[in-house]
Amino acid sequence: LGRDGIAPHYQLVVRREGAMDHLTVEVEADPLLA
């Protein structure tokens, strides 16, 4: 929140990769971001 270029909509996606858990942060871009 408050970072330039993104909207306040996000989701955290957790996957198992091998023996480890991995996190992907999905966040929407601001409509004005090129």
Full PDB file with SEQRES, HELIX, SHEET, SSBOND, CRYST1, ORIGX, SCALE, CONECT and MASTER records, all heavy atoms in Angstrom:
SEQRES   1 A   34  LEU GLY ARG ASP GLY ILE ALA PRO HIS TYR GLN LEU VAL          
SEQRES   2 A   34  VAL ARG ARG GLU GLY ALA MET ASP HIS LEU THR VAL GLU          
SEQRES   3 A   34  VAL GLU ALA ASP PRO LEU LEU ALA                              
SHEET    1 AA1 2 ILE A   6  GLU A  17  0                                        
SHEET    2 AA1 2 MET A  20  ALA A  29 -1                                        
CRYST1    1.000    1.000    1.000  90.00  90.00  90.00 P 1           1          
ORIGX1      1.000000  0.000000  0.000000        0.00000                         
ORIGX2      0.000000  1.000000  0.000000        0.00000                         
ORIGX3      0.000000  0.000000  1.000000        0.00000                         
SCALE1      1.000000  0.000000  0.000000        0.00000                         
SCALE2      0.000000  1.000000  0.000000        0.00000                         
SCALE3      0.000000  0.000000  1.000000        0.00000                         
ATOM      1  N   LEU A   1       0.822  -1.207   0.000  1.00  0.00           N  
ATOM      2  CA  LEU A   1       0.000   0.000   0.000  1.00  0.00           C  
ATOM      3  C   LEU A   1       0.855   1.256   0.000  1.00  0.00           C  
ATOM      4  O   LEU A   1       1.840   1.371   0.718  1.00  0.00           O  
ATOM      5  CB  LEU A   1      -0.930   0.003   1.211  1.00  0.00           C  
ATOM      6  CG  LEU A   1      -2.038  -1.044   1.147  1.00  0.00           C  
ATOM      7  CD1 LEU A   1      -2.853  -1.040   2.420  1.00  0.00           C  
ATOM      8  CD2 LEU A   1      -2.940  -0.811  -0.040  1.00  0.00           C  
ATOM      9  N   GLY A   2       0.461   2.171  -0.822  1.00  0.00           N  
ATOM     10  CA  GLY A   2       1.170   3.433  -0.925  1.00  0.00           C  
ATOM     11  C   GLY A   2       2.286   3.436  -1.944  1.00  0.00           C  
ATOM     12  O   GLY A   2       2.883   4.485  -2.213  1.00  0.00           O  
ATOM     13  N   ARG A   3       2.580   2.257  -2.533  1.00  0.00           N  
ATOM     14  CA  ARG A   3       3.639   2.219  -3.543  1.00  0.00           C  
ATOM     15  C   ARG A   3       3.090   2.745  -4.869  1.00  0.00           C  
ATOM     16  O   ARG A   3       1.961   2.462  -5.259  1.00  0.00           O  
ATOM     17  CB  ARG A   3       4.167   0.804  -3.733  1.00  0.00           C  
ATOM     18  CG  ARG A   3       4.593   0.107  -2.452  1.00  0.00           C  
ATOM     19  CD  ARG A   3       5.676  -0.917  -2.713  1.00  0.00           C  
ATOM     20  NE  ARG A   3       6.943  -0.258  -2.981  1.00  0.00           N  
ATOM     21  CZ  ARG A   3       7.734   0.271  -2.043  1.00  0.00           C  
ATOM     22  NH1 ARG A   3       7.371   0.219  -0.782  1.00  0.00           N  
ATOM     23  NH2 ARG A   3       8.871   0.844  -2.370  1.00  0.00           N  
ATOM     24  N   ASP A   4       3.895   3.471  -5.562  1.00  0.00           N  
ATOM     25  CA  ASP A   4       3.502   4.025  -6.851  1.00  0.00           C  
ATOM     26  C   ASP A   4       3.322   2.914  -7.879  1.00  0.00           C  
ATOM     27  O   ASP A   4       4.061   1.914  -7.879  1.00  0.00           O  
ATOM     28  CB  ASP A   4       4.547   5.022  -7.351  1.00  0.00           C  
ATOM     29  CG  ASP A   4       4.609   6.282  -6.497  1.00  0.00           C  
ATOM     30  OD1 ASP A   4       3.588   6.588  -5.849  1.00  0.00           O  
ATOM     31  OD2 ASP A   4       5.674   6.932  -6.475  1.00  0.00           O  
ATOM     32  N   GLY A   5       2.352   3.092  -8.748  1.00  0.00           N  
ATOM     33  CA  GLY A   5       2.195   2.199  -9.885  1.00  0.00           C  
ATOM     34  C   GLY A   5       1.270   1.024  -9.674  1.00  0.00           C  
ATOM     35  O   GLY A   5       1.039   0.254 -10.605  1.00  0.00           O  
ATOM     36  N   ILE A   6       0.712   0.845  -8.445  1.00  0.00           N  
ATOM     37  CA  ILE A   6      -0.161  -0.297  -8.218  1.00  0.00           C  
ATOM     38  C   ILE A   6      -1.470   0.152  -7.571  1.00  0.00           C  
ATOM     39  O   ILE A   6      -1.540   1.210  -6.944  1.00  0.00           O  
ATOM     40  CB  ILE A   6       0.508  -1.376  -7.335  1.00  0.00           C  
ATOM     41  CG1 ILE A   6       0.898  -0.808  -5.964  1.00  0.00           C  
ATOM     42  CG2 ILE A   6       1.698  -1.987  -8.042  1.00  0.00           C  
ATOM     43  CD1 ILE A   6       1.423  -1.859  -5.003  1.00  0.00           C  
ATOM     44  N   ALA A   7      -2.505  -0.681  -7.751  1.00  0.00           N  
ATOM     45  CA  ALA A   7      -3.811  -0.453  -7.149  1.00  0.00           C  
ATOM     46  C   ALA A   7      -3.907  -1.273  -5.861  1.00  0.00           C  
ATOM     47  O   ALA A   7      -3.125  -2.210  -5.662  1.00  0.00           O  
ATOM     48  CB  ALA A   7      -4.911  -0.866  -8.132  1.00  0.00           C  
ATOM     49  N   PRO A   8      -4.854  -0.971  -4.972  1.00  0.00           N  
ATOM     50  CA  PRO A   8      -4.951  -1.692  -3.692  1.00  0.00           C  
ATOM     51  C   PRO A   8      -5.694  -3.022  -3.800  1.00  0.00           C  
ATOM     52  O   PRO A   8      -6.585  -3.317  -3.010  1.00  0.00           O  
ATOM     53  CB  PRO A   8      -5.705  -0.699  -2.801  1.00  0.00           C  
ATOM     54  CG  PRO A   8      -6.585   0.038  -3.736  1.00  0.00           C  
ATOM     55  CD  PRO A   8      -5.795   0.178  -5.010  1.00  0.00           C  
ATOM     56  N   HIS A   9      -5.337  -3.836  -4.801  1.00  0.00           N  
ATOM     57  CA  HIS A   9      -5.948  -5.147  -4.978  1.00  0.00           C  
ATOM     58  C   HIS A   9      -4.820  -6.160  -5.153  1.00  0.00           C  
ATOM     59  O   HIS A   9      -3.990  -6.015  -6.057  1.00  0.00           O  
ATOM     60  CB  HIS A   9      -6.868  -5.169  -6.205  1.00  0.00           C  
ATOM     61  CG  HIS A   9      -7.978  -4.174  -6.140  1.00  0.00           C  
ATOM     62  ND1 HIS A   9      -9.049  -4.303  -5.296  1.00  0.00           N  
ATOM     63  CD2 HIS A   9      -8.171  -3.005  -6.822  1.00  0.00           C  
ATOM     64  CE1 HIS A   9      -9.861  -3.265  -5.443  1.00  0.00           C  
ATOM     65  NE2 HIS A   9      -9.352  -2.467  -6.361  1.00  0.00           N  
ATOM     66  N   TYR A  10      -4.795  -7.164  -4.278  1.00  0.00           N  
ATOM     67  CA  TYR A  10      -3.705  -8.132  -4.332  1.00  0.00           C  
ATOM     68  C   TYR A  10      -4.192  -9.499  -3.863  1.00  0.00           C  
ATOM     69  O   TYR A  10      -5.247  -9.629  -3.242  1.00  0.00           O  
ATOM     70  CB  TYR A  10      -2.526  -7.676  -3.462  1.00  0.00           C  
ATOM     71  CG  TYR A  10      -2.793  -7.749  -1.978  1.00  0.00           C  
ATOM     72  CD1 TYR A  10      -2.419  -8.869  -1.233  1.00  0.00           C  
ATOM     73  CD2 TYR A  10      -3.449  -6.721  -1.306  1.00  0.00           C  
ATOM     74  CE1 TYR A  10      -2.683  -8.956   0.120  1.00  0.00           C  
ATOM     75  CE2 TYR A  10      -3.718  -6.794   0.051  1.00  0.00           C  
ATOM     76  CZ  TYR A  10      -3.327  -7.912   0.760  1.00  0.00           C  
ATOM     77  OH  TYR A  10      -3.592  -7.987   2.100  1.00  0.00           O  
ATOM     78  N   GLN A  11      -3.398 -10.508  -4.170  1.00  0.00           N  
ATOM     79  CA  GLN A  11      -3.661 -11.867  -3.723  1.00  0.00           C  
ATOM     80  C   GLN A  11      -2.328 -12.580  -3.558  1.00  0.00           C  
ATOM     81  O   GLN A  11      -1.410 -12.391  -4.356  1.00  0.00           O  
ATOM     82  CB  GLN A  11      -4.542 -12.600  -4.725  1.00  0.00           C  
ATOM     83  CG  GLN A  11      -5.073 -13.937  -4.230  1.00  0.00           C  
ATOM     84  CD  GLN A  11      -6.153 -14.486  -5.174  1.00  0.00           C  
ATOM     85  OE1 GLN A  11      -5.885 -14.752  -6.341  1.00  0.00           O  
ATOM     86  NE2 GLN A  11      -7.368 -14.658  -4.665  1.00  0.00           N  
ATOM     87  N   LEU A  12      -2.228 -13.385  -2.501  1.00  0.00           N  
ATOM     88  CA  LEU A  12      -1.025 -14.169  -2.258  1.00  0.00           C  
ATOM     89  C   LEU A  12      -1.297 -15.607  -2.684  1.00  0.00           C  
ATOM     90  O   LEU A  12      -2.257 -16.226  -2.216  1.00  0.00           O  
ATOM     91  CB  LEU A  12      -0.633 -14.125  -0.779  1.00  0.00           C  
ATOM     92  CG  LEU A  12      -0.563 -12.750  -0.111  1.00  0.00           C  
ATOM     93  CD1 LEU A  12      -0.052 -12.883   1.320  1.00  0.00           C  
ATOM     94  CD2 LEU A  12       0.315 -11.797  -0.903  1.00  0.00           C  
ATOM     95  N   VAL A  13      -0.467 -16.132  -3.575  1.00  0.00           N  
ATOM     96  CA  VAL A  13      -0.631 -17.490  -4.088  1.00  0.00           C  
ATOM     97  C   VAL A  13       0.524 -18.332  -3.558  1.00  0.00           C  
ATOM     98  O   VAL A  13       1.698 -18.000  -3.755  1.00  0.00           O  
ATOM     99  CB  VAL A  13      -0.648 -17.511  -5.631  1.00  0.00           C  
ATOM    100  CG1 VAL A  13      -0.843 -18.934  -6.136  1.00  0.00           C  
ATOM    101  CG2 VAL A  13      -1.743 -16.590  -6.162  1.00  0.00           C  
ATOM    102  N   VAL A  14       0.172 -19.424  -2.866  1.00  0.00           N  
ATOM    103  CA  VAL A  14       1.178 -20.296  -2.274  1.00  0.00           C  
ATOM    104  C   VAL A  14       1.161 -21.637  -3.001  1.00  0.00           C  
ATOM    105  O   VAL A  14       0.105 -22.259  -3.156  1.00  0.00           O  
ATOM    106  CB  VAL A  14       0.915 -20.522  -0.773  1.00  0.00           C  
ATOM    107  CG1 VAL A  14       2.069 -21.297  -0.145  1.00  0.00           C  
ATOM    108  CG2 VAL A  14       0.726 -19.190  -0.052  1.00  0.00           C  
ATOM    109  N   ARG A  15       2.355 -22.058  -3.468  1.00  0.00           N  
ATOM    110  CA  ARG A  15       2.493 -23.338  -4.172  1.00  0.00           C  
ATOM    111  C   ARG A  15       3.590 -24.154  -3.506  1.00  0.00           C  
ATOM    112  O   ARG A  15       4.481 -23.606  -2.853  1.00  0.00           O  
ATOM    113  CB  ARG A  15       2.851 -23.122  -5.645  1.00  0.00           C  
ATOM    114  CG  ARG A  15       1.796 -22.429  -6.486  1.00  0.00           C  
ATOM    115  CD  ARG A  15       2.275 -22.292  -7.928  1.00  0.00           C  
ATOM    116  NE  ARG A  15       1.250 -21.732  -8.797  1.00  0.00           N  
ATOM    117  CZ  ARG A  15       1.023 -20.423  -8.947  1.00  0.00           C  
ATOM    118  NH1 ARG A  15       1.759 -19.550  -8.275  1.00  0.00           N  
ATOM    119  NH2 ARG A  15       0.068 -19.999  -9.756  1.00  0.00           N  
ATOM    120  N   ARG A  16       3.539 -25.456  -3.693  1.00  0.00           N  
ATOM    121  CA  ARG A  16       4.619 -26.337  -3.251  1.00  0.00           C  
ATOM    122  C   ARG A  16       5.516 -26.616  -4.462  1.00  0.00           C  
ATOM    123  O   ARG A  16       5.062 -27.104  -5.488  1.00  0.00           O  
ATOM    124  CB  ARG A  16       4.042 -27.636  -2.688  1.00  0.00           C  
ATOM    125  CG  ARG A  16       5.062 -28.676  -2.256  1.00  0.00           C  
ATOM    126  CD  ARG A  16       5.965 -28.193  -1.130  1.00  0.00           C  
ATOM    127  NE  ARG A  16       5.238 -27.751   0.040  1.00  0.00           N  
ATOM    128  CZ  ARG A  16       4.817 -28.559   1.016  1.00  0.00           C  
ATOM    129  NH1 ARG A  16       5.051 -29.850   0.948  1.00  0.00           N  
ATOM    130  NH2 ARG A  16       4.180 -28.064   2.064  1.00  0.00           N  
ATOM    131  N   GLU A  17       6.797 -26.250  -4.331  1.00  0.00           N  
ATOM    132  CA  GLU A  17       7.785 -26.496  -5.382  1.00  0.00           C  
ATOM    133  C   GLU A  17       8.842 -27.408  -4.800  1.00  0.00           C  
ATOM    134  O   GLU A  17       9.695 -26.978  -4.008  1.00  0.00           O  
ATOM    135  CB  GLU A  17       8.378 -25.183  -5.882  1.00  0.00           C  
ATOM    136  CG  GLU A  17       7.361 -24.276  -6.567  1.00  0.00           C  
ATOM    137  CD  GLU A  17       7.991 -23.025  -7.150  1.00  0.00           C  
ATOM    138  OE1 GLU A  17       9.205 -22.804  -6.920  1.00  0.00           O  
ATOM    139  OE2 GLU A  17       7.277 -22.269  -7.837  1.00  0.00           O  
ATOM    140  N   GLY A  18       8.786 -28.700  -5.166  1.00  0.00           N  
ATOM    141  CA  GLY A  18       9.681 -29.669  -4.567  1.00  0.00           C  
ATOM    142  C   GLY A  18       9.320 -29.858  -3.102  1.00  0.00           C  
ATOM    143  O   GLY A  18       8.179 -30.131  -2.754  1.00  0.00           O  
ATOM    144  N   ALA A  19      10.297 -29.665  -2.228  1.00  0.00           N  
ATOM    145  CA  ALA A  19      10.055 -29.807  -0.789  1.00  0.00           C  
ATOM    146  C   ALA A  19       9.773 -28.481  -0.119  1.00  0.00           C  
ATOM    147  O   ALA A  19       9.595 -28.419   1.094  1.00  0.00           O  
ATOM    148  CB  ALA A  19      11.263 -30.473  -0.130  1.00  0.00           C  
ATOM    149  N   MET A  20       9.723 -27.387  -0.898  1.00  0.00           N  
ATOM    150  CA  MET A  20       9.603 -26.055  -0.323  1.00  0.00           C  
ATOM    151  C   MET A  20       8.307 -25.380  -0.769  1.00  0.00           C  
ATOM    152  O   MET A  20       7.792 -25.637  -1.862  1.00  0.00           O  
ATOM    153  CB  MET A  20      10.796 -25.186  -0.754  1.00  0.00           C  
ATOM    154  CG  MET A  20      12.159 -25.758  -0.388  1.00  0.00           C  
ATOM    155  SD  MET A  20      12.457 -25.745   1.388  1.00  0.00           S  
ATOM    156  CE  MET A  20      12.714 -23.994   1.648  1.00  0.00           C  
ATOM    157  N   ASP A  21       7.790 -24.495   0.088  1.00  0.00           N  
ATOM    158  CA  ASP A  21       6.651 -23.658  -0.276  1.00  0.00           C  
ATOM    159  C   ASP A  21       7.154 -22.385  -0.935  1.00  0.00           C  
ATOM    160  O   ASP A  21       8.198 -21.832  -0.543  1.00  0.00           O  
ATOM    161  CB  ASP A  21       5.831 -23.295   0.961  1.00  0.00           C  
ATOM    162  CG  ASP A  21       5.112 -24.500   1.543  1.00  0.00           C  
ATOM    163  OD1 ASP A  21       4.884 -25.465   0.796  1.00  0.00           O  
ATOM    164  OD2 ASP A  21       4.799 -24.476   2.746  1.00  0.00           O  
ATOM    165  N   HIS A  22       6.416 -21.922  -1.928  1.00  0.00           N  
ATOM    166  CA  HIS A  22       6.821 -20.723  -2.659  1.00  0.00           C  
ATOM    167  C   HIS A  22       5.660 -19.739  -2.714  1.00  0.00           C  
ATOM    168  O   HIS A  22       4.501 -20.127  -2.901  1.00  0.00           O  
ATOM    169  CB  HIS A  22       7.256 -21.079  -4.078  1.00  0.00           C  
ATOM    170  CG  HIS A  22       7.798 -19.905  -4.846  1.00  0.00           C  
ATOM    171  ND1 HIS A  22       9.056 -19.397  -4.636  1.00  0.00           N  
ATOM    172  CD2 HIS A  22       7.226 -19.128  -5.796  1.00  0.00           C  
ATOM    173  CE1 HIS A  22       9.245 -18.351  -5.433  1.00  0.00           C  
ATOM    174  NE2 HIS A  22       8.148 -18.173  -6.146  1.00  0.00           N  
ATOM    175  N   LEU A  23       5.982 -18.470  -2.558  1.00  0.00           N  
ATOM    176  CA  LEU A  23       4.977 -17.409  -2.522  1.00  0.00           C  
ATOM    177  C   LEU A  23       5.058 -16.554  -3.786  1.00  0.00           C  
ATOM    178  O   LEU A  23       6.137 -16.111  -4.179  1.00  0.00           O  
ATOM    179  CB  LEU A  23       5.205 -16.522  -1.291  1.00  0.00           C  
ATOM    180  CG  LEU A  23       4.327 -15.263  -1.169  1.00  0.00           C  
ATOM    181  CD1 LEU A  23       2.862 -15.653  -0.972  1.00  0.00           C  
ATOM    182  CD2 LEU A  23       4.807 -14.387  -0.008  1.00  0.00           C  
ATOM    183  N   THR A  24       3.893 -16.334  -4.394  1.00  0.00           N  
ATOM    184  CA  THR A  24       3.768 -15.378  -5.492  1.00  0.00           C  
ATOM    185  C   THR A  24       2.796 -14.293  -5.066  1.00  0.00           C  
ATOM    186  O   THR A  24       1.681 -14.590  -4.620  1.00  0.00           O  
ATOM    187  CB  THR A  24       3.247 -16.051  -6.775  1.00  0.00           C  
ATOM    188  OG1 THR A  24       4.173 -17.060  -7.187  1.00  0.00           O  
ATOM    189  CG2 THR A  24       3.099 -15.019  -7.890  1.00  0.00           C  
ATOM    190  N   VAL A  25       3.209 -13.040  -5.175  1.00  0.00           N  
ATOM    191  CA  VAL A  25       2.355 -11.902  -4.868  1.00  0.00           C  
ATOM    192  C   VAL A  25       1.787 -11.379  -6.177  1.00  0.00           C  
ATOM    193  O   VAL A  25       2.530 -10.899  -7.040  1.00  0.00           O  
ATOM    194  CB  VAL A  25       3.145 -10.785  -4.148  1.00  0.00           C  
ATOM    195  CG1 VAL A  25       2.231  -9.591  -3.873  1.00  0.00           C  
ATOM    196  CG2 VAL A  25       3.743 -11.310  -2.849  1.00  0.00           C  
ATOM    197  N   GLU A  26       0.473 -11.513  -6.335  1.00  0.00           N  
ATOM    198  CA  GLU A  26      -0.204 -10.973  -7.508  1.00  0.00           C  
ATOM    199  C   GLU A  26      -0.850  -9.644  -7.117  1.00  0.00           C  
ATOM    200  O   GLU A  26      -1.624  -9.584  -6.160  1.00  0.00           O  
ATOM    201  CB  GLU A  26      -1.269 -11.946  -8.019  1.00  0.00           C  
ATOM    202  CG  GLU A  26      -0.699 -13.281  -8.488  1.00  0.00           C  
ATOM    203  CD  GLU A  26      -1.758 -14.179  -9.095  1.00  0.00           C  
ATOM    204  OE1 GLU A  26      -2.957 -13.861  -8.944  1.00  0.00           O  
ATOM    205  OE2 GLU A  26      -1.394 -15.190  -9.720  1.00  0.00           O  
ATOM    206  N   VAL A  27      -0.537  -8.600  -7.826  1.00  0.00           N  
ATOM    207  CA  VAL A  27      -1.049  -7.276  -7.500  1.00  0.00           C  
ATOM    208  C   VAL A  27      -1.432  -6.567  -8.789  1.00  0.00           C  
ATOM    209  O   VAL A  27      -0.777  -6.754  -9.824  1.00  0.00           O  
ATOM    210  CB  VAL A  27      -0.008  -6.464  -6.694  1.00  0.00           C  
ATOM    211  CG1 VAL A  27       1.287  -6.303  -7.467  1.00  0.00           C  
ATOM    212  CG2 VAL A  27      -0.561  -5.124  -6.248  1.00  0.00           C  
ATOM    213  N   GLU A  28      -2.502  -5.783  -8.736  1.00  0.00           N  
ATOM    214  CA  GLU A  28      -2.955  -5.078  -9.935  1.00  0.00           C  
ATOM    215  C   GLU A  28      -2.148  -3.816 -10.170  1.00  0.00           C  
ATOM    216  O   GLU A  28      -1.819  -3.083  -9.228  1.00  0.00           O  
ATOM    217  CB  GLU A  28      -4.431  -4.705  -9.811  1.00  0.00           C  
ATOM    218  CG  GLU A  28      -5.355  -5.806 -10.237  1.00  0.00           C  
ATOM    219  CD  GLU A  28      -6.800  -5.345 -10.340  1.00  0.00           C  
ATOM    220  OE1 GLU A  28      -7.033  -4.128 -10.419  1.00  0.00           O  
ATOM    221  OE2 GLU A  28      -7.684  -6.209 -10.331  1.00  0.00           O  
ATOM    222  N   ALA A  29      -1.874  -3.570 -11.429  1.00  0.00           N  
ATOM    223  CA  ALA A  29      -1.209  -2.329 -11.816  1.00  0.00           C  
ATOM    224  C   ALA A  29      -2.191  -1.170 -11.790  1.00  0.00           C  
ATOM    225  O   ALA A  29      -3.393  -1.343 -12.006  1.00  0.00           O  
ATOM    226  CB  ALA A  29      -0.608  -2.468 -13.213  1.00  0.00           C  
ATOM    227  N   ASP A  30      -1.673   0.010 -11.511  1.00  0.00           N  
ATOM    228  CA  ASP A  30      -2.473   1.219 -11.630  1.00  0.00           C  
ATOM    229  C   ASP A  30      -2.841   1.420 -13.095  1.00  0.00           C  
ATOM    230  O   ASP A  30      -2.018   1.164 -13.980  1.00  0.00           O  
ATOM    231  CB  ASP A  30      -1.670   2.410 -11.104  1.00  0.00           C  
ATOM    232  CG  ASP A  30      -2.498   3.679 -11.044  1.00  0.00           C  
ATOM    233  OD1 ASP A  30      -2.691   4.293 -12.107  1.00  0.00           O  
ATOM    234  OD2 ASP A  30      -2.918   4.054  -9.944  1.00  0.00           O  
ATOM    235  N   PRO A  31      -4.075   1.856 -13.382  1.00  0.00           N  
ATOM    236  CA  PRO A  31      -4.457   2.051 -14.789  1.00  0.00           C  
ATOM    237  C   PRO A  31      -3.530   2.997 -15.560  1.00  0.00           C  
ATOM    238  O   PRO A  31      -3.430   2.906 -16.785  1.00  0.00           O  
ATOM    239  CB  PRO A  31      -5.883   2.627 -14.681  1.00  0.00           C  
ATOM    240  CG  PRO A  31      -6.402   2.118 -13.375  1.00  0.00           C  
ATOM    241  CD  PRO A  31      -5.210   2.085 -12.458  1.00  0.00           C  
ATOM    242  N   LEU A  32      -2.851   3.887 -14.855  1.00  0.00           N  
ATOM    243  CA  LEU A  32      -1.967   4.847 -15.521  1.00  0.00           C  
ATOM    244  C   LEU A  32      -0.553   4.320 -15.732  1.00  0.00           C  
ATOM    245  O   LEU A  32       0.266   4.989 -16.369  1.00  0.00           O  
ATOM    246  CB  LEU A  32      -1.907   6.150 -14.711  1.00  0.00           C  
ATOM    247  CG  LEU A  32      -3.240   6.891 -14.518  1.00  0.00           C  
ATOM    248  CD1 LEU A  32      -3.046   8.129 -13.663  1.00  0.00           C  
ATOM    249  CD2 LEU A  32      -3.861   7.246 -15.868  1.00  0.00           C  
ATOM    250  N   LEU A  33      -0.251   3.124 -15.213  1.00  0.00           N  
ATOM    251  CA  LEU A  33       1.095   2.586 -15.357  1.00  0.00           C  
ATOM    252  C   LEU A  33       1.308   2.072 -16.776  1.00  0.00           C  
ATOM    253  O   LEU A  33       0.517   1.287 -17.293  1.00  0.00           O  
ATOM    254  CB  LEU A  33       1.310   1.449 -14.349  1.00  0.00           C  
ATOM    255  CG  LEU A  33       2.714   0.852 -14.307  1.00  0.00           C  
ATOM    256  CD1 LEU A  33       3.710   1.869 -13.728  1.00  0.00           C  
ATOM    257  CD2 LEU A  33       2.739  -0.437 -13.497  1.00  0.00           C  
ATOM    258  N   ALA A  34       2.377   2.497 -17.383  1.00  0.00           N  
ATOM    259  CA  ALA A  34       2.702   2.064 -18.745  1.00  0.00           C  
ATOM    260  C   ALA A  34       3.107   0.603 -18.745  1.00  0.00           C  
ATOM    261  O   ALA A  34       3.725   0.111 -17.790  1.00  0.00           O  
ATOM    262  CB  ALA A  34       3.829   2.927 -19.305  1.00  0.00           C  
TER     263      ALA A  34                                                      
MASTER        0    0    0    0    2    0    0    6  262    1    0    3          
END                                                                             
